[in-house]
Amino acid sequence: MTLDGLAECTGVSRSMISLIERGESSPTAAVLDKLAAGLGVTLASLFAEKDGTAASPLSRRGDQQVWRDPESGYMRRNLSAPGFPSPIKLVEVVLPPGARVAYDTGHRAATVHQQIWIIEGTIELTLGEETYRLAAGDCLSMHLDQPTVFRNLTDAPARYVVALATDARAGAGLHR
């Protein structure tokens, strides 16, 4: 895909994509989500490393890729073994106190089923017009075919696991 083609299908400017590609800009979670949607992949897959070696089914904590959103400070760690063929990907997220992360993308080329399991803390998750308050032990299953907002309205970090399963055959409403 060309730079212009990616810019057109994602709504992210050509110059921003170029800066990200050269490592001269640290994109926000919202920008990365737009790029993932335009490429027809999950946000987690943008962080997967592929080095050409045989993929191990084991993912050691010290080897797991970590990324921090420069806007909200939220941290995401890819838990699943990179490059290992699996329809399920796990991501650990730490949402700092007072943080807000909004994903405005909707329709995608494949369907991604997502579950959020709260390990500690509390978050408020708005999916379209519906808002859920989730606390430790709660698990929310969803399809992300509408805008989604994660908020930590407390003074303590919230930690949760995101489980993603992509179904490219469904094709009629991909989710994050």
Protein backbone atom coordinates (compact mmCIF):
# COMPACT_ATOMS: atom_id res chain seq x y z
CA MET A 1 0.00 0.00 0.00
CA THR A 2 1.30 3.45 -0.83
CA LEU A 3 1.66 6.25 1.70
CA ASP A 4 -1.13 8.16 -0.05
CA GLY A 5 -3.37 5.08 -0.07
CA LEU A 6 -2.84 4.49 3.64
CA ALA A 7 -3.49 8.15 4.42
CA GLU A 8 -6.71 8.06 2.42
CA CYS A 9 -8.13 4.90 4.02
CA THR A 10 -7.15 5.85 7.59
CA GLY A 11 -7.74 9.57 7.82
CA VAL A 12 -4.18 9.99 9.13
CA SER A 13 -2.15 12.58 7.25
CA ARG A 14 0.56 11.47 4.87
CA SER A 15 3.12 13.55 6.78
CA MET A 16 2.17 11.96 10.13
CA ILE A 17 2.47 8.46 8.67
CA SER A 18 5.87 9.36 7.26
CA LEU A 19 7.06 10.72 10.63
CA ILE A 20 5.88 7.55 12.41
CA GLU A 21 7.52 5.33 9.80
CA ARG A 22 10.86 7.12 10.27
CA GLY A 23 10.58 6.98 14.07
CA GLU A 24 10.41 10.76 14.34
CA SER A 25 6.96 10.88 15.96
CA SER A 26 5.38 8.87 18.75
CA PRO A 27 1.75 8.33 17.69
CA THR A 28 -1.14 8.33 20.12
CA ALA A 29 -3.32 5.28 20.69
CA ALA A 30 -6.07 6.90 18.60
CA VAL A 31 -3.74 7.40 15.62
CA LEU A 32 -2.42 3.83 15.88
CA ASP A 33 -5.98 2.53 16.00
CA LYS A 34 -6.84 4.41 12.80
CA LEU A 35 -3.78 2.91 11.10
CA ALA A 36 -4.66 -0.59 12.30
CA ALA A 37 -8.24 -0.20 11.06
CA GLY A 38 -7.02 1.00 7.65
CA LEU A 39 -4.66 -1.96 7.38
CA GLY A 40 -7.36 -4.40 8.50
CA VAL A 41 -5.41 -5.58 11.55
CA THR A 42 -5.68 -5.26 15.31
CA LEU A 43 -3.80 -2.65 17.30
CA ALA A 44 -1.92 -5.48 19.04
CA SER A 45 -0.61 -6.78 15.71
CA LEU A 46 1.09 -3.45 14.99
CA PHE A 47 3.45 -4.25 17.86
CA ALA A 48 4.15 -7.86 16.89
CA GLU A 49 7.77 -8.45 15.95
CA LYS A 50 8.61 -10.71 13.05
CA ASP A 51 12.30 -11.51 12.69
CA GLY A 52 12.13 -14.54 10.40
CA THR A 53 13.06 -17.10 13.09
CA ALA A 54 10.77 -19.95 14.07
CA ALA A 55 8.11 -18.62 16.41
CA SER A 56 8.16 -19.93 19.96
CA PRO A 57 4.88 -20.52 21.79
CA LEU A 58 6.49 -19.04 24.93
CA SER A 59 6.46 -15.32 25.61
CA ARG A 60 8.75 -14.36 28.51
CA ARG A 61 7.86 -11.15 30.36
CA GLY A 62 11.29 -9.64 29.67
CA ASP A 63 10.80 -10.14 25.93
CA GLN A 64 7.26 -8.76 25.72
CA GLN A 65 6.94 -5.52 23.82
CA VAL A 66 5.72 -2.53 25.85
CA TRP A 67 4.36 0.73 24.43
CA ARG A 68 3.25 3.89 26.23
CA ASP A 69 0.75 6.33 24.74
CA PRO A 70 2.40 9.78 24.78
CA GLU A 71 -0.95 11.53 25.20
CA SER A 72 -2.62 9.60 28.06
CA GLY A 73 0.36 7.73 29.53
CA TYR A 74 -1.47 4.43 29.20
CA MET A 75 0.83 1.42 28.87
CA ARG A 76 0.16 -1.71 26.81
CA ARG A 77 2.18 -4.92 26.90
CA ASN A 78 1.74 -7.60 24.24
CA LEU A 79 1.50 -10.83 26.26
CA SER A 80 1.10 -13.33 23.41
CA ALA A 81 4.09 -14.93 21.75
CA PRO A 82 4.99 -12.79 18.70
CA GLY A 83 4.73 -14.54 15.37
CA PHE A 84 3.20 -17.68 16.85
CA PRO A 85 0.10 -18.58 14.83
CA SER A 86 -2.95 -18.16 17.07
CA PRO A 87 -6.39 -16.60 16.56
CA ILE A 88 -6.15 -15.12 20.08
CA LYS A 89 -3.93 -12.24 21.21
CA LEU A 90 -3.59 -11.07 24.82
CA VAL A 91 -2.61 -7.55 25.85
CA GLU A 92 -2.09 -6.16 29.35
CA VAL A 93 -3.05 -2.51 29.83
CA VAL A 94 -2.34 -0.11 32.68
CA LEU A 95 -4.55 2.98 32.55
CA PRO A 96 -3.15 5.76 34.80
CA PRO A 97 -5.35 7.74 37.19
CA GLY A 98 -7.41 10.34 35.32
CA ALA A 99 -6.45 8.94 31.89
CA ARG A 100 -8.83 8.85 28.93
CA VAL A 101 -8.23 6.95 25.68
CA ALA A 102 -10.74 7.28 22.82
CA TYR A 103 -10.96 5.12 19.72
CA ASP A 104 -13.18 6.69 17.07
CA THR A 105 -12.90 4.00 14.40
CA GLY A 106 -15.83 1.78 13.62
CA HIS A 107 -16.18 -0.55 10.64
CA ARG A 108 -13.16 -2.63 9.61
CA ALA A 109 -12.42 -5.31 7.06
CA ALA A 110 -12.64 -8.23 9.53
CA THR A 111 -14.44 -8.86 12.81
CA VAL A 112 -12.43 -8.80 16.01
CA HIS A 113 -14.05 -10.12 19.16
CA GLN A 114 -12.69 -8.46 22.29
CA GLN A 115 -13.00 -9.09 26.00
CA ILE A 116 -11.77 -6.80 28.76
CA TRP A 117 -10.98 -8.45 32.13
CA ILE A 118 -10.24 -6.06 35.00
CA ILE A 119 -7.40 -7.27 37.23
CA GLU A 120 -7.21 -4.27 39.56
CA GLY A 121 -8.77 -0.84 39.80
CA THR A 122 -11.86 0.53 38.09
CA ILE A 123 -12.49 1.85 34.60
CA GLU A 124 -15.42 3.39 32.81
CA LEU A 125 -15.84 2.08 29.27
CA THR A 126 -18.21 3.75 26.82
CA LEU A 127 -19.14 1.68 23.80
CA GLY A 128 -21.22 3.81 21.45
CA GLU A 129 -24.03 5.19 23.62
CA GLU A 130 -23.69 2.64 26.44
CA THR A 131 -21.36 3.13 29.42
CA TYR A 132 -20.10 0.34 31.70
CA ARG A 133 -18.33 0.78 35.04
CA LEU A 134 -15.96 -2.16 35.43
CA ALA A 135 -14.16 -3.18 38.65
CA ALA A 136 -11.67 -5.93 39.55
CA GLY A 137 -12.94 -9.31 38.37
CA ASP A 138 -15.45 -7.90 35.86
CA CYS A 139 -15.22 -9.03 32.23
CA LEU A 140 -16.92 -7.27 29.31
CA SER A 141 -17.33 -8.97 25.93
CA MET A 142 -17.78 -6.73 22.91
CA HIS A 143 -17.41 -6.00 19.24
CA LEU A 144 -15.91 -2.63 18.51
CA ASP A 145 -17.92 -1.44 15.56
CA GLN A 146 -18.56 1.93 17.17
CA PRO A 147 -16.53 4.57 19.02
CA THR A 148 -15.06 3.37 22.32
CA VAL A 149 -13.72 5.41 25.24
CA PHE A 150 -11.74 4.07 28.20
CA ARG A 151 -11.56 6.29 31.32
CA ASN A 152 -9.95 5.90 34.70
CA LEU A 153 -11.88 8.30 36.93
CA THR A 154 -10.08 7.21 40.10
CA ASP A 155 -6.79 8.22 41.75
CA ALA A 156 -5.24 4.74 41.31
CA PRO A 157 -4.03 2.95 38.17
CA ALA A 158 -6.33 0.37 36.59
CA ARG A 159 -4.85 -2.83 35.17
CA TYR A 160 -6.70 -5.10 32.77
CA VAL A 161 -6.21 -7.77 30.13
CA VAL A 162 -7.60 -7.42 26.62
CA ALA A 163 -8.23 -10.67 24.72
CA LEU A 164 -8.65 -10.29 20.95
CA ALA A 165 -9.77 -12.86 18.41
CA THR A 166 -9.95 -11.90 14.74
CA ASP A 167 -12.42 -13.45 12.33
CA ALA A 168 -11.50 -12.25 8.83
CA ARG A 169 -14.35 -14.29 7.34
CA ALA A 170 -17.01 -12.23 9.09
CA GLY A 171 -15.80 -9.09 7.30
CA ALA A 172 -18.84 -7.01 8.14
CA GLY A 173 -17.74 -4.96 11.10
CA LEU A 174 -14.26 -5.40 12.50
CA HIS A 175 -13.58 -4.54 16.04
CA ARG A 176 -10.39 -3.58 17.86
